[in-house]
Amino acid sequence: PLAWARSLAELAERTSASSVIAAGSERGNEVLGHLGAITGLPLAA
């Protein structure tokens, strides 16, 4: 999960993403929770 979130953070920065969206599955919520912690951004689940 943390590695997936780190990958998302790096790719989001590289592509200048305006948003990062995932399914509200167990994995999706867990990975984006980690992404919020990495970036300091709020998550709307």
All heavy atoms as atom14 arrays in JSON, in Angstrom:
{
  "sequence": "PLAWARSLAELAERTSASSVIAAGSERGNEVLGHLGAITGLPLAA",
  "atom14_mask": [
    [1, 1, 1, 1, 1, 1, 1, 0, 0, 0, 0, 0, 0, 0],
    [1, 1, 1, 1, 1, 1, 1, 1, 0, 0, 0, 0, 0, 0],
    [1, 1, 1, 1, 1, 0, 0, 0, 0, 0, 0, 0, 0, 0],
    [1, 1, 1, 1, 1, 1, 1, 1, 1, 1, 1, 1, 1, 1],
    [1, 1, 1, 1, 1, 0, 0, 0, 0, 0, 0, 0, 0, 0],
    [1, 1, 1, 1, 1, 1, 1, 1, 1, 1, 1, 0, 0, 0],
    [1, 1, 1, 1, 1, 1, 0, 0, 0, 0, 0, 0, 0, 0],
    [1, 1, 1, 1, 1, 1, 1, 1, 0, 0, 0, 0, 0, 0],
    [1, 1, 1, 1, 1, 0, 0, 0, 0, 0, 0, 0, 0, 0],
    [1, 1, 1, 1, 1, 1, 1, 1, 1, 0, 0, 0, 0, 0],
    [1, 1, 1, 1, 1, 1, 1, 1, 0, 0, 0, 0, 0, 0],
    [1, 1, 1, 1, 1, 0, 0, 0, 0, 0, 0, 0, 0, 0],
    [1, 1, 1, 1, 1, 1, 1, 1, 1, 0, 0, 0, 0, 0],
    [1, 1, 1, 1, 1, 1, 1, 1, 1, 1, 1, 0, 0, 0],
    [1, 1, 1, 1, 1, 1, 1, 0, 0, 0, 0, 0, 0, 0],
    [1, 1, 1, 1, 1, 1, 0, 0, 0, 0, 0, 0, 0, 0],
    [1, 1, 1, 1, 1, 0, 0, 0, 0, 0, 0, 0, 0, 0],
    [1, 1, 1, 1, 1, 1, 0, 0, 0, 0, 0, 0, 0, 0],
    [1, 1, 1, 1, 1, 1, 0, 0, 0, 0, 0, 0, 0, 0],
    [1, 1, 1, 1, 1, 1, 1, 0, 0, 0, 0, 0, 0, 0],
    [1, 1, 1, 1, 1, 1, 1, 1, 0, 0, 0, 0, 0, 0],
    [1, 1, 1, 1, 1, 0, 0, 0, 0, 0, 0, 0, 0, 0],
    [1, 1, 1, 1, 1, 0, 0, 0, 0, 0, 0, 0, 0, 0],
    [1, 1, 1, 1, 0, 0, 0, 0, 0, 0, 0, 0, 0, 0],
    [1, 1, 1, 1, 1, 1, 0, 0, 0, 0, 0, 0, 0, 0],
    [1, 1, 1, 1, 1, 1, 1, 1, 1, 0, 0, 0, 0, 0],
    [1, 1, 1, 1, 1, 1, 1, 1, 1, 1, 1, 0, 0, 0],
    [1, 1, 1, 1, 0, 0, 0, 0, 0, 0, 0, 0, 0, 0],
    [1, 1, 1, 1, 1, 1, 1, 1, 0, 0, 0, 0, 0, 0],
    [1, 1, 1, 1, 1, 1, 1, 1, 1, 0, 0, 0, 0, 0],
    [1, 1, 1, 1, 1, 1, 1, 0, 0, 0, 0, 0, 0, 0],
    [1, 1, 1, 1, 1, 1, 1, 1, 0, 0, 0, 0, 0, 0],
    [1, 1, 1, 1, 0, 0, 0, 0, 0, 0, 0, 0, 0, 0],
    [1, 1, 1, 1, 1, 1, 1, 1, 1, 1, 0, 0, 0, 0],
    [1, 1, 1, 1, 1, 1, 1, 1, 0, 0, 0, 0, 0, 0],
    [1, 1, 1, 1, 0, 0, 0, 0, 0, 0, 0, 0, 0, 0],
    [1, 1, 1, 1, 1, 0, 0, 0, 0, 0, 0, 0, 0, 0],
    [1, 1, 1, 1, 1, 1, 1, 1, 0, 0, 0, 0, 0, 0],
    [1, 1, 1, 1, 1, 1, 1, 0, 0, 0, 0, 0, 0, 0],
    [1, 1, 1, 1, 0, 0, 0, 0, 0, 0, 0, 0, 0, 0],
    [1, 1, 1, 1, 1, 1, 1, 1, 0, 0, 0, 0, 0, 0],
    [1, 1, 1, 1, 1, 1, 1, 0, 0, 0, 0, 0, 0, 0],
    [1, 1, 1, 1, 1, 1, 1, 1, 0, 0, 0, 0, 0, 0],
    [1, 1, 1, 1, 1, 0, 0, 0, 0, 0, 0, 0, 0, 0],
    [1, 1, 1, 1, 1, 0, 0, 0, 0, 0, 0, 0, 0, 0]
  ],
  "atom14_positions": [
    [[0.79, -1.24, 0.0], [0.0, 0.0, 0.0], [0.81, 1.29, 0.0], [0.51, 2.22, -0.74], [-0.86, -0.13, 1.26], [-0.21, -1.18, 2.1], [0.44, -2.12, 1.14], [0.0, 0.0, 0.0], [0.0, 0.0, 0.0], [0.0, 0.0, 0.0], [0.0, 0.0, 0.0], [0.0, 0.0, 0.0], [0.0, 0.0, 0.0], [0.0, 0.0, 0.0]],
    [[1.86, 1.35, 0.83], [2.65, 2.57, 0.87], [3.41, 2.78, -0.43], [3.54, 3.91, -0.93], [3.62, 2.54, 2.06], [4.51, 3.78, 2.25], [3.66, 5.05, 2.34], [5.38, 3.62, 3.5], [0.0, 0.0, 0.0], [0.0, 0.0, 0.0], [0.0, 0.0, 0.0], [0.0, 0.0, 0.0], [0.0, 0.0, 0.0], [0.0, 0.0, 0.0]],
    [[3.91, 1.69, -1.02], [4.63, 1.8, -2.29], [3.69, 2.25, -3.41], [4.07, 3.04, -4.28], [5.26, 0.45, -2.64], [0.0, 0.0, 0.0], [0.0, 0.0, 0.0], [0.0, 0.0, 0.0], [0.0, 0.0, 0.0], [0.0, 0.0, 0.0], [0.0, 0.0, 0.0], [0.0, 0.0, 0.0], [0.0, 0.0, 0.0], [0.0, 0.0, 0.0]],
    [[2.45, 1.75, -3.39], [1.48, 2.21, -4.39], [1.21, 3.7, -4.22], [1.13, 4.44, -5.2], [0.17, 1.43, -4.23], [0.19, 0.03, -4.76], [1.24, -0.84, -4.77], [-0.91, -0.67, -5.35], [0.86, -2.03, -5.32], [-0.45, -1.96, -5.69], [-2.23, -0.33, -5.61], [-1.29, -2.91, -6.28], [-3.06, -1.28, -6.2], [-2.59, -2.55, -6.54]],
    [[1.06, 4.13, -2.96], [0.79, 5.54, -2.7], [1.97, 6.41, -3.13], [1.8, 7.49, -3.71], [0.49, 5.75, -1.22], [0.0, 0.0, 0.0], [0.0, 0.0, 0.0], [0.0, 0.0, 0.0], [0.0, 0.0, 0.0], [0.0, 0.0, 0.0], [0.0, 0.0, 0.0], [0.0, 0.0, 0.0], [0.0, 0.0, 0.0], [0.0, 0.0, 0.0]],
    [[3.2, 5.94, -2.84], [4.4, 6.69, -3.24], [4.46, 6.8, -4.76], [4.83, 7.86, -5.31], [5.65, 6.0, -2.7], [6.92, 6.81, -2.82], [6.98, 7.92, -1.79], [7.08, 7.4, -0.44], [7.08, 8.15, 0.66], [6.99, 9.47, 0.53], [7.16, 7.62, 1.86], [0.0, 0.0, 0.0], [0.0, 0.0, 0.0], [0.0, 0.0, 0.0]],
    [[4.09, 5.74, -5.46], [4.07, 5.76, -6.92], [3.06, 6.76, -7.43], [3.32, 7.52, -8.38], [3.75, 4.36, -7.46], [4.7, 3.41, -7.01], [0.0, 0.0, 0.0], [0.0, 0.0, 0.0], [0.0, 0.0, 0.0], [0.0, 0.0, 0.0], [0.0, 0.0, 0.0], [0.0, 0.0, 0.0], [0.0, 0.0, 0.0], [0.0, 0.0, 0.0]],
    [[1.89, 6.8, -6.8], [0.86, 7.77, -7.19], [1.34, 9.2, -6.98], [1.13, 10.07, -7.84], [-0.41, 7.53, -6.38], [-1.44, 6.55, -6.92], [-2.55, 6.34, -5.9], [-2.03, 7.03, -8.25], [0.0, 0.0, 0.0], [0.0, 0.0, 0.0], [0.0, 0.0, 0.0], [0.0, 0.0, 0.0], [0.0, 0.0, 0.0], [0.0, 0.0, 0.0]],
    [[1.97, 9.44, -5.84], [2.46, 10.78, -5.54], [3.48, 11.25, -6.57], [3.43, 12.39, -7.05], [3.06, 10.82, -4.13], [0.0, 0.0, 0.0], [0.0, 0.0, 0.0], [0.0, 0.0, 0.0], [0.0, 0.0, 0.0], [0.0, 0.0, 0.0], [0.0, 0.0, 0.0], [0.0, 0.0, 0.0], [0.0, 0.0, 0.0], [0.0, 0.0, 0.0]],
    [[4.39, 10.36, -6.92], [5.43, 10.71, -7.89], [4.83, 10.96, -9.27], [5.19, 11.93, -9.95], [6.47, 9.6, -7.96], [7.66, 9.91, -8.85], [8.72, 8.83, -8.82], [8.81, 8.1, -7.8], [9.46, 8.7, -9.81], [0.0, 0.0, 0.0], [0.0, 0.0, 0.0], [0.0, 0.0, 0.0], [0.0, 0.0, 0.0], [0.0, 0.0, 0.0]],
    [[3.91, 10.09, -9.69], [3.3, 10.24, -11.01], [2.39, 11.47, -11.07], [2.34, 12.17, -12.09], [2.52, 8.99, -11.38], [1.93, 8.95, -12.79], [3.02, 9.09, -13.85], [1.14, 7.66, -13.0], [0.0, 0.0, 0.0], [0.0, 0.0, 0.0], [0.0, 0.0, 0.0], [0.0, 0.0, 0.0], [0.0, 0.0, 0.0], [0.0, 0.0, 0.0]],
    [[1.68, 11.73, -9.98], [0.8, 12.91, -9.94], [1.61, 14.19, -10.12], [1.19, 15.11, -10.83], [0.02, 12.94, -8.63], [0.0, 0.0, 0.0], [0.0, 0.0, 0.0], [0.0, 0.0, 0.0], [0.0, 0.0, 0.0], [0.0, 0.0, 0.0], [0.0, 0.0, 0.0], [0.0, 0.0, 0.0], [0.0, 0.0, 0.0], [0.0, 0.0, 0.0]],
    [[2.78, 14.23, -9.49], [3.64, 15.41, -9.63], [4.19, 15.5, -11.05], [4.23, 16.58, -11.64], [4.78, 15.34, -8.62], [5.68, 16.56, -8.66], [6.76, 16.53, -7.58], [6.82, 15.55, -6.82], [7.55, 17.5, -7.52], [0.0, 0.0, 0.0], [0.0, 0.0, 0.0], [0.0, 0.0, 0.0], [0.0, 0.0, 0.0], [0.0, 0.0, 0.0]],
    [[4.59, 14.37, -11.59], [5.19, 14.36, -12.93], [4.17, 14.79, -13.99], [4.53, 15.47, -14.96], [5.73, 12.96, -13.26], [6.37, 12.85, -14.62], [6.86, 11.45, -14.92], [7.85, 10.97, -13.96], [8.51, 9.82, -14.09], [8.28, 9.04, -15.14], [9.39, 9.46, -13.18], [0.0, 0.0, 0.0], [0.0, 0.0, 0.0], [0.0, 0.0, 0.0]],
    [[2.92, 14.4, -13.84], [1.9, 14.69, -14.85], [1.07, 15.93, -14.51], [0.11, 16.24, -15.23], [0.95, 13.5, -15.01], [0.31, 13.22, -13.75], [1.7, 12.26, -15.48], [0.0, 0.0, 0.0], [0.0, 0.0, 0.0], [0.0, 0.0, 0.0], [0.0, 0.0, 0.0], [0.0, 0.0, 0.0], [0.0, 0.0, 0.0], [0.0, 0.0, 0.0]],
    [[1.42, 16.61, -13.41], [0.67, 17.79, -12.97], [-0.81, 17.48, -12.8], [-1.69, 18.21, -13.25], [0.85, 18.95, -13.96], [2.21, 19.31, -14.07], [0.0, 0.0, 0.0], [0.0, 0.0, 0.0], [0.0, 0.0, 0.0], [0.0, 0.0, 0.0], [0.0, 0.0, 0.0], [0.0, 0.0, 0.0], [0.0, 0.0, 0.0], [0.0, 0.0, 0.0]],
    [[-1.08, 16.36, -12.14], [-2.46, 15.92, -11.94], [-3.23, 16.92, -11.08], [-2.71, 17.42, -10.08], [-2.49, 14.54, -11.29], [0.0, 0.0, 0.0], [0.0, 0.0, 0.0], [0.0, 0.0, 0.0], [0.0, 0.0, 0.0], [0.0, 0.0, 0.0], [0.0, 0.0, 0.0], [0.0, 0.0, 0.0], [0.0, 0.0, 0.0], [0.0, 0.0, 0.0]],
    [[-4.46, 17.19, -11.46], [-5.32, 18.08, -10.67], [-6.07, 17.3, -9.59], [-6.54, 17.9, -8.62], [-6.33, 18.77, -11.59], [-7.1, 17.81, -12.29], [0.0, 0.0, 0.0], [0.0, 0.0, 0.0], [0.0, 0.0, 0.0], [0.0, 0.0, 0.0], [0.0, 0.0, 0.0], [0.0, 0.0, 0.0], [0.0, 0.0, 0.0], [0.0, 0.0, 0.0]],
    [[-6.17, 15.99, -9.78], [-6.85, 15.15, -8.8], [-6.32, 13.73, -8.92], [-5.8, 13.33, -9.97], [-8.37, 15.17, -9.01], [-8.7, 14.7, -10.3], [0.0, 0.0, 0.0], [0.0, 0.0, 0.0], [0.0, 0.0, 0.0], [0.0, 0.0, 0.0], [0.0, 0.0, 0.0], [0.0, 0.0, 0.0], [0.0, 0.0, 0.0], [0.0, 0.0, 0.0]],
    [[-6.45, 12.97, -7.83], [-6.14, 11.55, -7.83], [-7.38, 10.83, -7.31], [-7.88, 11.13, -6.23], [-4.92, 11.21, -6.96], [-4.66, 9.71, -6.98], [-3.68, 11.96, -7.45], [0.0, 0.0, 0.0], [0.0, 0.0, 0.0], [0.0, 0.0, 0.0], [0.0, 0.0, 0.0], [0.0, 0.0, 0.0], [0.0, 0.0, 0.0], [0.0, 0.0, 0.0]],
    [[-7.87, 9.89, -8.1], [-9.15, 9.24, -7.82], [-8.95, 7.73, -7.82], [-8.21, 7.19, -8.65], [-10.21, 9.65, -8.86], [-10.4, 11.18, -8.81], [-11.53, 8.93, -8.63], [-11.29, 11.71, -9.92], [0.0, 0.0, 0.0], [0.0, 0.0, 0.0], [0.0, 0.0, 0.0], [0.0, 0.0, 0.0], [0.0, 0.0, 0.0], [0.0, 0.0, 0.0]],
    [[-9.62, 7.04, -6.9], [-9.55, 5.58, -6.83], [-10.92, 5.04, -6.46], [-11.79, 5.76, -5.97], [-8.5, 5.14, -5.81], [0.0, 0.0, 0.0], [0.0, 0.0, 0.0], [0.0, 0.0, 0.0], [0.0, 0.0, 0.0], [0.0, 0.0, 0.0], [0.0, 0.0, 0.0], [0.0, 0.0, 0.0], [0.0, 0.0, 0.0], [0.0, 0.0, 0.0]],
    [[-11.11, 3.77, -6.7], [-12.33, 3.11, -6.26], [-12.37, 3.08, -4.73], [-11.32, 3.03, -4.08], [-12.38, 1.69, -6.81], [0.0, 0.0, 0.0], [0.0, 0.0, 0.0], [0.0, 0.0, 0.0], [0.0, 0.0, 0.0], [0.0, 0.0, 0.0], [0.0, 0.0, 0.0], [0.0, 0.0, 0.0], [0.0, 0.0, 0.0], [0.0, 0.0, 0.0]],
    [[-13.57, 3.12, -4.18], [-13.71, 3.05, -2.73], [-13.64, 1.63, -2.22], [-14.41, 1.23, -1.32], [0.0, 0.0, 0.0], [0.0, 0.0, 0.0], [0.0, 0.0, 0.0], [0.0, 0.0, 0.0], [0.0, 0.0, 0.0], [0.0, 0.0, 0.0], [0.0, 0.0, 0.0], [0.0, 0.0, 0.0], [0.0, 0.0, 0.0], [0.0, 0.0, 0.0]],
    [[-12.72, 0.85, -2.75], [-12.48, -0.53, -2.31], [-11.56, -0.51, -1.11], [-11.05, 0.55, -0.7], [-11.84, -1.32, -3.45], [-10.6, -0.72, -3.82], [0.0, 0.0, 0.0], [0.0, 0.0, 0.0], [0.0, 0.0, 0.0], [0.0, 0.0, 0.0], [0.0, 0.0, 0.0], [0.0, 0.0, 0.0], [0.0, 0.0, 0.0], [0.0, 0.0, 0.0]],
    [[-11.3, -1.66, -0.53], [-10.36, -1.72, 0.59], [-8.99, -1.19, 0.17], [-8.36, -0.41, 0.89], [-10.24, -3.15, 1.11], [-11.5, -3.66, 1.82], [-11.32, -5.03, 2.41], [-10.24, -5.62, 2.22], [-12.26, -5.53, 3.06], [0.0, 0.0, 0.0], [0.0, 0.0, 0.0], [0.0, 0.0, 0.0], [0.0, 0.0, 0.0], [0.0, 0.0, 0.0]],
    [[-8.55, -1.59, -1.02], [-7.25, -1.11, -1.5], [-7.29, 0.37, -1.83], [-6.38, 1.12, -1.48], [-6.82, -1.93, -2.73], [-6.32, -3.32, -2.41], [-5.69, -3.96, -3.61], [-5.11, -5.26, -3.28], [-4.41, -6.01, -4.12], [-4.2, -5.58, -5.35], [-3.92, -7.17, -3.74], [0.0, 0.0, 0.0], [0.0, 0.0, 0.0], [0.0, 0.0, 0.0]],
    [[-8.32, 0.78, -2.55], [-8.4, 2.18, -2.96], [-8.38, 3.12, -1.78], [-7.64, 4.12, -1.76], [0.0, 0.0, 0.0], [0.0, 0.0, 0.0], [0.0, 0.0, 0.0], [0.0, 0.0, 0.0], [0.0, 0.0, 0.0], [0.0, 0.0, 0.0], [0.0, 0.0, 0.0], [0.0, 0.0, 0.0], [0.0, 0.0, 0.0], [0.0, 0.0, 0.0]],
    [[-9.18, 2.82, -0.76], [-9.22, 3.69, 0.43], [-7.9, 3.65, 1.19], [-7.45, 4.67, 1.71], [-10.37, 3.26, 1.34], [-11.72, 3.72, 0.82], [-11.84, 4.8, 0.25], [-12.75, 2.91, 1.01], [0.0, 0.0, 0.0], [0.0, 0.0, 0.0], [0.0, 0.0, 0.0], [0.0, 0.0, 0.0], [0.0, 0.0, 0.0], [0.0, 0.0, 0.0]],
    [[-7.29, 2.47, 1.27], [-6.02, 2.36, 2.0], [-4.91, 3.12, 1.29], [-4.16, 3.88, 1.92], [-5.62, 0.89, 2.15], [-4.34, 0.7, 2.94], [-3.97, -0.76, 3.15], [-4.37, -1.6, 2.31], [-3.27, -1.07, 4.12], [0.0, 0.0, 0.0], [0.0, 0.0, 0.0], [0.0, 0.0, 0.0], [0.0, 0.0, 0.0], [0.0, 0.0, 0.0]],
    [[-4.8, 2.94, -0.02], [-3.73, 3.59, -0.77], [-3.89, 5.11, -0.75], [-2.93, 5.85, -0.51], [-3.68, 3.07, -2.22], [-2.7, 3.9, -3.05], [-3.27, 1.61, -2.25], [0.0, 0.0, 0.0], [0.0, 0.0, 0.0], [0.0, 0.0, 0.0], [0.0, 0.0, 0.0], [0.0, 0.0, 0.0], [0.0, 0.0, 0.0], [0.0, 0.0, 0.0]],
    [[-5.11, 5.59, -0.95], [-5.29, 7.04, -0.94], [-5.17, 7.62, 0.47], [-4.81, 8.79, 0.62], [-6.61, 7.43, -1.59], [-6.41, 7.94, -3.04], [-5.95, 6.8, -3.93], [-7.64, 8.6, -3.59], [0.0, 0.0, 0.0], [0.0, 0.0, 0.0], [0.0, 0.0, 0.0], [0.0, 0.0, 0.0], [0.0, 0.0, 0.0], [0.0, 0.0, 0.0]],
    [[-5.43, 6.82, 1.48], [-5.16, 7.26, 2.84], [-3.67, 7.49, 3.05], [-3.25, 8.5, 3.64], [0.0, 0.0, 0.0], [0.0, 0.0, 0.0], [0.0, 0.0, 0.0], [0.0, 0.0, 0.0], [0.0, 0.0, 0.0], [0.0, 0.0, 0.0], [0.0, 0.0, 0.0], [0.0, 0.0, 0.0], [0.0, 0.0, 0.0], [0.0, 0.0, 0.0]],
    [[-2.86, 6.57, 2.54], [-1.41, 6.75, 2.59], [-0.99, 7.97, 1.76], [-0.1, 8.73, 2.18], [-0.7, 5.5, 2.05], [-0.57, 4.39, 3.04], [0.23, 4.46, 4.15], [-1.16, 3.16, 3.08], [0.16, 3.33, 4.83], [-0.68, 2.52, 4.21], [0.0, 0.0, 0.0], [0.0, 0.0, 0.0], [0.0, 0.0, 0.0], [0.0, 0.0, 0.0]],
    [[-1.62, 8.14, 0.6], [-1.27, 9.28, -0.25], [-1.57, 10.6, 0.45], [-0.78, 11.55, 0.37], [-2.04, 9.2, -1.57], [-1.79, 10.32, -2.58], [-0.32, 10.37, -2.99], [-2.67, 10.14, -3.82], [0.0, 0.0, 0.0], [0.0, 0.0, 0.0], [0.0, 0.0, 0.0], [0.0, 0.0, 0.0], [0.0, 0.0, 0.0], [0.0, 0.0, 0.0]],
    [[-2.69, 10.65, 1.17], [-3.01, 11.85, 1.93], [-1.96, 12.14, 2.99], [-1.59, 13.3, 3.22], [0.0, 0.0, 0.0], [0.0, 0.0, 0.0], [0.0, 0.0, 0.0], [0.0, 0.0, 0.0], [0.0, 0.0, 0.0], [0.0, 0.0, 0.0], [0.0, 0.0, 0.0], [0.0, 0.0, 0.0], [0.0, 0.0, 0.0], [0.0, 0.0, 0.0]],
    [[-1.48, 11.07, 3.65], [-0.45, 11.25, 4.67], [0.87, 11.72, 4.05], [1.57, 12.56, 4.62], [-0.24, 9.95, 5.43], [0.0, 0.0, 0.0], [0.0, 0.0, 0.0], [0.0, 0.0, 0.0], [0.0, 0.0, 0.0], [0.0, 0.0, 0.0], [0.0, 0.0, 0.0], [0.0, 0.0, 0.0], [0.0, 0.0, 0.0], [0.0, 0.0, 0.0]],
    [[1.21, 11.19, 2.88], [2.45, 11.57, 2.21], [2.41, 13.03, 1.77], [3.38, 13.78, 1.94], [2.7, 10.66, 0.98], [3.03, 9.23, 1.43], [3.82, 11.22, 0.11], [3.08, 8.24, 0.29], [0.0, 0.0, 0.0], [0.0, 0.0, 0.0], [0.0, 0.0, 0.0], [0.0, 0.0, 0.0], [0.0, 0.0, 0.0], [0.0, 0.0, 0.0]],
    [[1.29, 13.45, 1.22], [1.19, 14.78, 0.62], [0.65, 15.84, 1.57], [0.76, 17.04, 1.29], [0.28, 14.73, -0.62], [-1.03, 14.29, -0.22], [0.84, 13.78, -1.67], [0.0, 0.0, 0.0], [0.0, 0.0, 0.0], [0.0, 0.0, 0.0], [0.0, 0.0, 0.0], [0.0, 0.0, 0.0], [0.0, 0.0, 0.0], [0.0, 0.0, 0.0]],
    [[0.05, 15.41, 2.68], [-0.57, 16.36, 3.59], [-1.88, 16.92, 3.06], [-2.34, 17.97, 3.51], [0.0, 0.0, 0.0], [0.0, 0.0, 0.0], [0.0, 0.0, 0.0], [0.0, 0.0, 0.0], [0.0, 0.0, 0.0], [0.0, 0.0, 0.0], [0.0, 0.0, 0.0], [0.0, 0.0, 0.0], [0.0, 0.0, 0.0], [0.0, 0.0, 0.0]],
    [[-2.5, 16.21, 2.09], [-3.74, 16.67, 1.48], [-4.94, 15.94, 2.07], [-4.84, 14.77, 2.47], [-3.7, 16.42, -0.03], [-2.67, 17.24, -0.82], [-2.56, 16.69, -2.24], [-3.06, 18.71, -0.83], [0.0, 0.0, 0.0], [0.0, 0.0, 0.0], [0.0, 0.0, 0.0], [0.0, 0.0, 0.0], [0.0, 0.0, 0.0], [0.0, 0.0, 0.0]],
    [[-6.1, 16.6, 2.12], [-7.3, 15.94, 2.63], [-7.84, 14.93, 1.62], [-7.64, 15.07, 0.41], [-8.28, 17.09, 2.84], [-7.85, 18.13, 1.85], [-6.34, 18.01, 1.78], [0.0, 0.0, 0.0], [0.0, 0.0, 0.0], [0.0, 0.0, 0.0], [0.0, 0.0, 0.0], [0.0, 0.0, 0.0], [0.0, 0.0, 0.0], [0.0, 0.0, 0.0]],
    [[-8.52, 13.9, 2.14], [-9.12, 12.86, 1.3], [-10.62, 12.83, 1.52], [-11.08, 12.77, 2.66], [-8.51, 11.49, 1.65], [-9.26, 10.25, 1.15], [-9.26, 10.21, -0.38], [-8.64, 8.98, 1.73], [0.0, 0.0, 0.0], [0.0, 0.0, 0.0], [0.0, 0.0, 0.0], [0.0, 0.0, 0.0], [0.0, 0.0, 0.0], [0.0, 0.0, 0.0]],
    [[-11.37, 12.86, 0.44], [-12.82, 12.69, 0.5], [-13.14, 11.27, 0.06], [-12.97, 10.93, -1.12], [-13.52, 13.71, -0.4], [0.0, 0.0, 0.0], [0.0, 0.0, 0.0], [0.0, 0.0, 0.0], [0.0, 0.0, 0.0], [0.0, 0.0, 0.0], [0.0, 0.0, 0.0], [0.0, 0.0, 0.0], [0.0, 0.0, 0.0], [0.0, 0.0, 0.0]],
    [[-13.57, 10.45, 0.99], [-13.84, 9.04, 0.69], [-15.31, 8.82, 0.38], [-16.18, 9.58, 0.8], [-13.42, 8.17, 1.87], [0.0, 0.0, 0.0], [0.0, 0.0, 0.0], [0.0, 0.0, 0.0], [0.0, 0.0, 0.0], [0.0, 0.0, 0.0], [0.0, 0.0, 0.0], [0.0, 0.0, 0.0], [0.0, 0.0, 0.0], [0.0, 0.0, 0.0]]
  ]
}
